[in-house]
Structure formats: structure tokens, C-alpha cells
Amino acid sequence: MALSIDANHLKSIQRRGTAAYYTQRLRQARKDFMHSLSIEYSETTKDYLVKVNQGIQKVKLEAYDKLKKKVAYSSGVDYHKGEDND
């Protein structure tokens, strides 16, 4: 509600970012932490932003691996050996 009154209320932005981080809404958390840092630098906020970026990278890698396995499985390639199972 505070952000509807003042979109640049620093403490509200940081709290929303922290809540988003702990509920795995990483893109919202990154947006809020970057906005917060654009208003005022904070080492704690920067540390959270680093953790968020690492989390996003981990999710991307997991999704890529899952997709790669799915494609390999559907093409008949044994993912573990890299050979056809024919």
C-alpha cells in the first residue's frame, strides 16, 4: 500500500524485494533490488541482488538441462552414453 502512495519509498521496495526473494519470485526481487539500489546504495541490498542473480542463473541452467534431456529422449538418443538405442 505504501508503494501505491510513493513508488520510490525505499524501505517498502526493499521489503517487497526481500519477500519476493524468499518466495522464489526472483525476477520481481531483482527488479525491486535494482530499483532500490538506483535510489540509494546498500551493501545488504547488493548482496541480495547477487543471490537473486545466482538463483536466476541456476533456474536457467536447470531448465536448459531438462530441455536437453527431453530432446535427447524424444530423439532416441541415450542421454548418458550419447548414442542411439537402436
C-alpha atoms as a PDB file:
ATOM      1  CA  MET A   1       0.000   0.000   0.000  1.00  0.00           C
ATOM      2  CA  ALA A   2       2.910   2.347   0.756  1.00  0.00           C
ATOM      3  CA  LEU A   3       4.189   1.914  -2.779  1.00  0.00           C
ATOM      4  CA  SER A   4       0.837   2.979  -4.211  1.00  0.00           C
ATOM      5  CA  ILE A   5       1.307   6.291  -2.396  1.00  0.00           C
ATOM      6  CA  ASP A   6       5.048   6.676  -3.075  1.00  0.00           C
ATOM      7  CA  ALA A   7       6.553   4.381  -5.716  1.00  0.00           C
ATOM      8  CA  ASN A   8      10.062   5.290  -4.519  1.00  0.00           C
ATOM      9  CA  HIS A   9       9.603   4.511  -0.823  1.00  0.00           C
ATOM     10  CA  LEU A  10      12.930   2.799  -0.247  1.00  0.00           C
ATOM     11  CA  LYS A  11      12.065   0.601   2.713  1.00  0.00           C
ATOM     12  CA  SER A  12       8.884  -0.686   1.024  1.00  0.00           C
ATOM     13  CA  ILE A  13      10.764  -1.530  -2.171  1.00  0.00           C
ATOM     14  CA  GLN A  14      13.419  -3.403  -0.189  1.00  0.00           C
ATOM     15  CA  ARG A  15      10.833  -5.307   1.836  1.00  0.00           C
ATOM     16  CA  ARG A  16       8.875  -6.292  -1.256  1.00  0.00           C
ATOM     17  CA  GLY A  17      12.135  -7.436  -2.860  1.00  0.00           C
ATOM     18  CA  THR A  18      13.076  -9.473   0.205  1.00  0.00           C
ATOM     19  CA  ALA A  19       9.621 -11.074   0.321  1.00  0.00           C
ATOM     20  CA  ALA A  20       9.859 -11.899  -3.384  1.00  0.00           C
ATOM     21  CA  TYR A  21      13.307 -13.428  -2.856  1.00  0.00           C
ATOM     22  CA  TYR A  22      12.135 -15.716  -0.072  1.00  0.00           C
ATOM     23  CA  THR A  23       9.059 -16.793  -2.051  1.00  0.00           C
ATOM     24  CA  GLN A  24      11.175 -17.596  -5.125  1.00  0.00           C
ATOM     25  CA  ARG A  25       9.780 -14.779  -7.258  1.00  0.00           C
ATOM     26  CA  LEU A  26      13.309 -13.993  -8.378  1.00  0.00           C
ATOM     27  CA  ARG A  27      12.550 -11.671 -11.289  1.00  0.00           C
ATOM     28  CA  GLN A  28      10.395  -9.431  -9.085  1.00  0.00           C
ATOM     29  CA  ALA A  29      13.093  -9.495  -6.405  1.00  0.00           C
ATOM     30  CA  ARG A  30      15.755  -8.481  -8.958  1.00  0.00           C
ATOM     31  CA  LYS A  31      13.560  -5.638 -10.207  1.00  0.00           C
ATOM     32  CA  ASP A  32      12.962  -4.346  -6.667  1.00  0.00           C
ATOM     33  CA  PHE A  33      16.600  -4.635  -5.569  1.00  0.00           C
ATOM     34  CA  MET A  34      17.818  -2.844  -8.697  1.00  0.00           C
ATOM     35  CA  HIS A  35      15.237  -0.102  -8.144  1.00  0.00           C
ATOM     36  CA  SER A  36      16.320   0.170  -4.518  1.00  0.00           C
ATOM     37  CA  LEU A  37      19.987   0.464  -5.488  1.00  0.00           C
ATOM     38  CA  SER A  38      19.139   3.184  -8.009  1.00  0.00           C
ATOM     39  CA  ILE A  39      17.678   5.225  -5.147  1.00  0.00           C
ATOM     40  CA  GLU A  40      20.329   4.538  -2.514  1.00  0.00           C
ATOM     41  CA  TYR A  41      23.295   2.172  -2.367  1.00  0.00           C
ATOM     42  CA  SER A  42      23.179  -0.517   0.304  1.00  0.00           C
ATOM     43  CA  GLU A  43      25.672  -3.358   0.724  1.00  0.00           C
ATOM     44  CA  THR A  44      22.900  -5.630   2.035  1.00  0.00           C
ATOM     45  CA  THR A  45      20.704  -4.938  -0.976  1.00  0.00           C
ATOM     46  CA  LYS A  46      23.671  -5.541  -3.290  1.00  0.00           C
ATOM     47  CA  ASP A  47      24.289  -8.892  -1.583  1.00  0.00           C
ATOM     48  CA  TYR A  48      20.637  -9.863  -2.074  1.00  0.00           C
ATOM     49  CA  LEU A  49      20.871  -8.871  -5.731  1.00  0.00           C
ATOM     50  CA  VAL A  50      23.904 -11.137  -6.183  1.00  0.00           C
ATOM     51  CA  LYS A  51      21.984 -14.035  -4.592  1.00  0.00           C
ATOM     52  CA  VAL A  52      18.963 -13.350  -6.806  1.00  0.00           C
ATOM     53  CA  ASN A  53      21.094 -13.322  -9.955  1.00  0.00           C
ATOM     54  CA  GLN A  54      22.723 -16.598  -8.904  1.00  0.00           C
ATOM     55  CA  GLY A  55      19.274 -18.093  -8.300  1.00  0.00           C
ATOM     56  CA  ILE A  56      18.042 -16.975 -11.703  1.00  0.00           C
ATOM     57  CA  GLN A  57      21.135 -18.438 -13.355  1.00  0.00           C
ATOM     58  CA  LYS A  58      20.579 -21.744 -11.527  1.00  0.00           C
ATOM     59  CA  VAL A  59      16.943 -21.894 -12.685  1.00  0.00           C
ATOM     60  CA  LYS A  60      18.009 -21.188 -16.273  1.00  0.00           C
ATOM     61  CA  LEU A  61      20.647 -23.949 -16.192  1.00  0.00           C
ATOM     62  CA  GLU A  62      18.193 -26.445 -14.711  1.00  0.00           C
ATOM     63  CA  ALA A  63      15.622 -25.596 -17.380  1.00  0.00           C
ATOM     64  CA  TYR A  64      18.243 -25.952 -20.108  1.00  0.00           C
ATOM     65  CA  ASP A  65      19.343 -29.361 -18.781  1.00  0.00           C
ATOM     66  CA  LYS A  66      15.737 -30.531 -18.563  1.00  0.00           C
ATOM     67  CA  LEU A  67      15.050 -29.403 -22.126  1.00  0.00           C
ATOM     68  CA  LYS A  68      18.246 -31.034 -23.373  1.00  0.00           C
ATOM     69  CA  LYS A  69      17.279 -34.340 -21.740  1.00  0.00           C
ATOM     70  CA  LYS A  70      13.753 -34.123 -23.153  1.00  0.00           C
ATOM     71  CA  VAL A  71      15.051 -33.525 -26.677  1.00  0.00           C
ATOM     72  CA  ALA A  72      17.592 -36.333 -26.364  1.00  0.00           C
ATOM     73  CA  TYR A  73      14.928 -38.715 -25.029  1.00  0.00           C
ATOM     74  CA  SER A  74      12.443 -37.887 -27.775  1.00  0.00           C
ATOM     75  CA  SER A  75      15.096 -38.360 -30.471  1.00  0.00           C
ATOM     76  CA  GLY A  76      16.020 -41.843 -29.217  1.00  0.00           C
ATOM     77  CA  VAL A  77      19.484 -40.877 -28.024  1.00  0.00           C
ATOM     78  CA  ASP A  78      20.687 -42.425 -24.782  1.00  0.00           C
ATOM     79  CA  TYR A  79      21.457 -39.222 -22.901  1.00  0.00           C
ATOM     80  CA  HIS A  80      24.019 -40.884 -20.671  1.00  0.00           C
ATOM     81  CA  LYS A  81      26.003 -42.520 -23.485  1.00  0.00           C
ATOM     82  CA  GLY A  82      25.250 -40.094 -26.296  1.00  0.00           C
ATOM     83  CA  GLU A  83      24.474 -42.975 -28.682  1.00  0.00           C
ATOM     84  CA  ASP A  84      21.366 -44.270 -30.436  1.00  0.00           C
ATOM     85  CA  ASN A  85      19.488 -47.069 -28.683  1.00  0.00           C
ATOM     86  CA  ASP A  86      18.508 -48.772 -31.959  1.00  0.00           C
END
